[in-house]
Amino acid sequence: MKELTKEEVLVVEIERSFNAPLDTVFRAFTEPDALGKWGVGRTYENISVDIDLRVGGVIYQRVLAKDDGVIWTFFGVYTEVEEQKKLAYTFDWKTDWREEPSPNSVEIEFFDRGDSTEIKIVHADVSLAAVETTKKHWAEFLDLLSELLEKKEIV
């Protein structure tokens, strides 16, 4: 596996507001059934999600790319879990033909705004080549989450 230099990795930051209470949004990120509905957008079909929500626990998701049939595996280890406040985990992925050159890290903060919830995502150690794809995928995934929350399909 190639080691990336500091110049080859970047941080992607995303902020989003949802018209849903904090406990619902937090569950959307931490319960396998909920995450399976939105966590890979419309580009992929969810195969399985396993979440062991504790520091040292694993998040593991297998998905099928709808366009080419490639199975992707996303996985990481939780480094921080604060109920309804913050999640942090390593993030890695692989397919049969390719894998991330080095693990990323994801940190998600949750902010209670009464009837709505704001989140801030910091996805760090993203390779320069993957920055635009990372931004695009997060936007797609979060758009779908917002839609499902509005329709009360995640409660």
Protein backbone atom coordinates (compact mmCIF):
# COMPACT_ATOMS: atom_id res chain seq x y z
CA MET A 1 0.00 0.00 0.00
CA LYS A 2 1.36 3.41 -0.99
CA GLU A 3 2.05 5.93 1.78
CA LEU A 4 0.59 9.34 0.94
CA THR A 5 2.49 12.53 1.64
CA LYS A 6 0.97 15.46 3.53
CA GLU A 7 0.52 17.31 0.23
CA GLU A 8 -1.56 14.43 -1.17
CA VAL A 9 -4.24 14.36 1.56
CA LEU A 10 -6.95 16.85 2.34
CA VAL A 11 -9.90 17.45 4.64
CA VAL A 12 -13.50 17.60 3.42
CA GLU A 13 -15.90 19.52 5.69
CA ILE A 14 -19.66 19.39 5.33
CA GLU A 15 -22.38 21.07 7.35
CA ARG A 16 -26.02 20.15 7.01
CA SER A 17 -29.30 20.88 8.78
CA PHE A 18 -32.19 18.42 9.00
CA ASN A 19 -35.82 19.06 9.93
CA ALA A 20 -35.79 16.27 12.50
CA PRO A 21 -35.03 16.00 16.20
CA LEU A 22 -31.54 15.16 17.40
CA ASP A 23 -32.35 11.63 18.61
CA THR A 24 -33.78 10.70 15.18
CA VAL A 25 -30.79 12.06 13.26
CA PHE A 26 -28.33 10.39 15.63
CA ARG A 27 -30.16 7.05 15.18
CA ALA A 28 -29.92 7.48 11.41
CA PHE A 29 -26.13 7.31 11.80
CA THR A 30 -25.99 4.60 14.45
CA GLU A 31 -28.70 2.00 13.79
CA PRO A 32 -27.98 -0.49 10.99
CA ASP A 33 -31.52 -0.51 9.54
CA ALA A 34 -31.63 3.28 9.37
CA LEU A 35 -28.09 3.68 7.98
CA GLY A 36 -28.84 1.01 5.38
CA LYS A 37 -31.64 3.17 3.96
CA TRP A 38 -29.49 6.21 3.16
CA GLY A 39 -25.82 5.56 3.88
CA VAL A 40 -24.92 4.73 0.30
CA GLY A 41 -27.34 6.99 -1.54
CA ARG A 42 -29.08 5.87 -4.70
CA THR A 43 -25.90 4.87 -6.55
CA TYR A 44 -25.50 1.68 -4.53
CA GLU A 45 -27.73 -1.03 -3.13
CA ASN A 46 -27.15 -1.86 0.50
CA ILE A 47 -26.25 -5.51 1.16
CA SER A 48 -25.51 -5.37 4.89
CA VAL A 49 -24.64 -3.02 7.72
CA ASP A 50 -23.12 -3.99 11.04
CA ILE A 51 -22.52 -1.44 13.79
CA ASP A 52 -20.88 -2.07 17.16
CA LEU A 53 -21.41 1.40 18.62
CA ARG A 54 -18.62 1.75 21.17
CA VAL A 55 -15.04 2.95 21.17
CA GLY A 56 -13.13 0.11 19.51
CA GLY A 57 -16.33 -1.19 17.90
CA VAL A 58 -16.58 -1.73 14.18
CA ILE A 59 -18.78 -0.17 11.50
CA TYR A 60 -18.98 -2.43 8.46
CA GLN A 61 -21.07 -2.00 5.32
CA ARG A 62 -21.20 -3.97 2.08
CA VAL A 63 -22.89 -2.47 -0.96
CA LEU A 64 -23.47 -3.25 -4.62
CA ALA A 65 -22.81 -0.55 -7.23
CA LYS A 66 -25.95 -0.40 -9.37
CA ASP A 67 -24.10 0.70 -12.52
CA ASP A 68 -21.43 -1.98 -12.75
CA GLY A 69 -22.27 -4.64 -10.16
CA VAL A 70 -19.05 -4.16 -8.20
CA ILE A 71 -19.32 -5.00 -4.49
CA TRP A 72 -17.76 -2.41 -2.21
CA THR A 73 -16.91 -2.88 1.44
CA PHE A 74 -16.71 0.14 3.76
CA PHE A 75 -15.36 -0.37 7.24
CA GLY A 76 -13.87 1.41 10.21
CA VAL A 77 -13.33 1.43 13.94
CA TYR A 78 -15.04 3.89 16.28
CA THR A 79 -12.52 6.10 18.06
CA GLU A 80 -15.07 8.30 19.81
CA VAL A 81 -18.75 7.79 20.68
CA GLU A 82 -20.66 10.48 22.58
CA GLU A 83 -24.39 9.78 22.59
CA GLN A 84 -26.20 12.38 20.46
CA LYS A 85 -23.09 14.60 20.37
CA LYS A 86 -20.25 13.08 18.40
CA LEU A 87 -19.08 10.06 16.43
CA ALA A 88 -15.55 9.53 15.16
CA TYR A 89 -14.22 6.53 13.29
CA THR A 90 -11.57 5.39 10.88
CA PHE A 91 -12.83 4.88 7.35
CA ASP A 92 -11.48 2.49 4.77
CA TRP A 93 -12.87 0.78 1.70
CA LYS A 94 -12.06 -1.90 -0.80
CA THR A 95 -13.44 -3.74 -3.80
CA ASP A 96 -12.18 -6.84 -5.56
CA TRP A 97 -10.04 -4.67 -7.81
CA ARG A 98 -9.02 -1.64 -5.75
CA GLU A 99 -8.70 -0.27 -2.24
CA GLU A 100 -8.14 3.06 -0.53
CA PRO A 101 -4.40 3.77 -0.38
CA SER A 102 -4.61 4.63 3.32
CA PRO A 103 -7.41 4.90 5.90
CA ASN A 104 -9.35 8.14 6.33
CA SER A 105 -10.95 9.47 9.48
CA VAL A 106 -14.50 10.73 9.86
CA GLU A 107 -15.80 12.92 12.68
CA ILE A 108 -19.47 13.85 12.93
CA GLU A 109 -20.78 16.38 15.45
CA PHE A 110 -24.50 16.71 16.19
CA PHE A 111 -26.15 19.96 17.33
CA ASP A 112 -29.67 20.10 18.77
CA ARG A 113 -31.63 23.05 17.34
CA GLY A 114 -35.03 22.16 18.82
CA ASP A 115 -37.16 20.80 15.98
CA SER A 116 -34.09 20.54 13.74
CA THR A 117 -30.58 19.13 13.97
CA GLU A 118 -27.35 20.38 12.49
CA ILE A 119 -24.39 18.16 11.79
CA LYS A 120 -20.81 18.91 10.94
CA ILE A 121 -18.77 16.23 9.19
CA VAL A 122 -14.99 16.38 8.97
CA HIS A 123 -13.68 13.69 6.65
CA ALA A 124 -9.89 13.85 6.93
CA ASP A 125 -6.94 12.19 5.24
CA VAL A 126 -8.76 12.07 1.90
CA SER A 127 -6.41 11.54 -1.02
CA LEU A 128 -6.24 14.46 -3.43
CA ALA A 129 -7.62 12.24 -6.18
CA ALA A 130 -10.69 11.35 -4.08
CA VAL A 131 -11.72 14.80 -2.79
CA GLU A 132 -14.36 15.59 -5.41
CA THR A 133 -15.83 12.08 -5.29
CA THR A 134 -15.95 12.25 -1.49
CA LYS A 135 -17.81 15.58 -1.59
CA LYS A 136 -20.22 14.26 -4.24
CA HIS A 137 -20.99 11.07 -2.33
CA TRP A 138 -21.56 12.81 1.02
CA ALA A 139 -23.91 15.28 -0.72
CA GLU A 140 -25.85 12.43 -2.36
CA PHE A 141 -26.06 10.42 0.86
CA LEU A 142 -27.14 13.39 2.99
CA ASP A 143 -29.71 14.51 0.40
CA LEU A 144 -31.31 11.07 0.62
CA LEU A 145 -31.19 11.16 4.43
CA SER A 146 -32.92 14.55 4.40
CA GLU A 147 -35.62 13.22 2.08
CA LEU A 148 -36.22 10.13 4.24
CA LEU A 149 -36.39 12.23 7.41
CA GLU A 150 -38.89 14.61 5.77
CA LYS A 151 -41.06 11.63 4.74
CA LYS A 152 -40.72 10.18 8.24
CA GLU A 153 -39.24 6.98 6.78
CA ILE A 154 -36.58 7.19 9.48
CA VAL A 155 -38.03 7.96 12.90
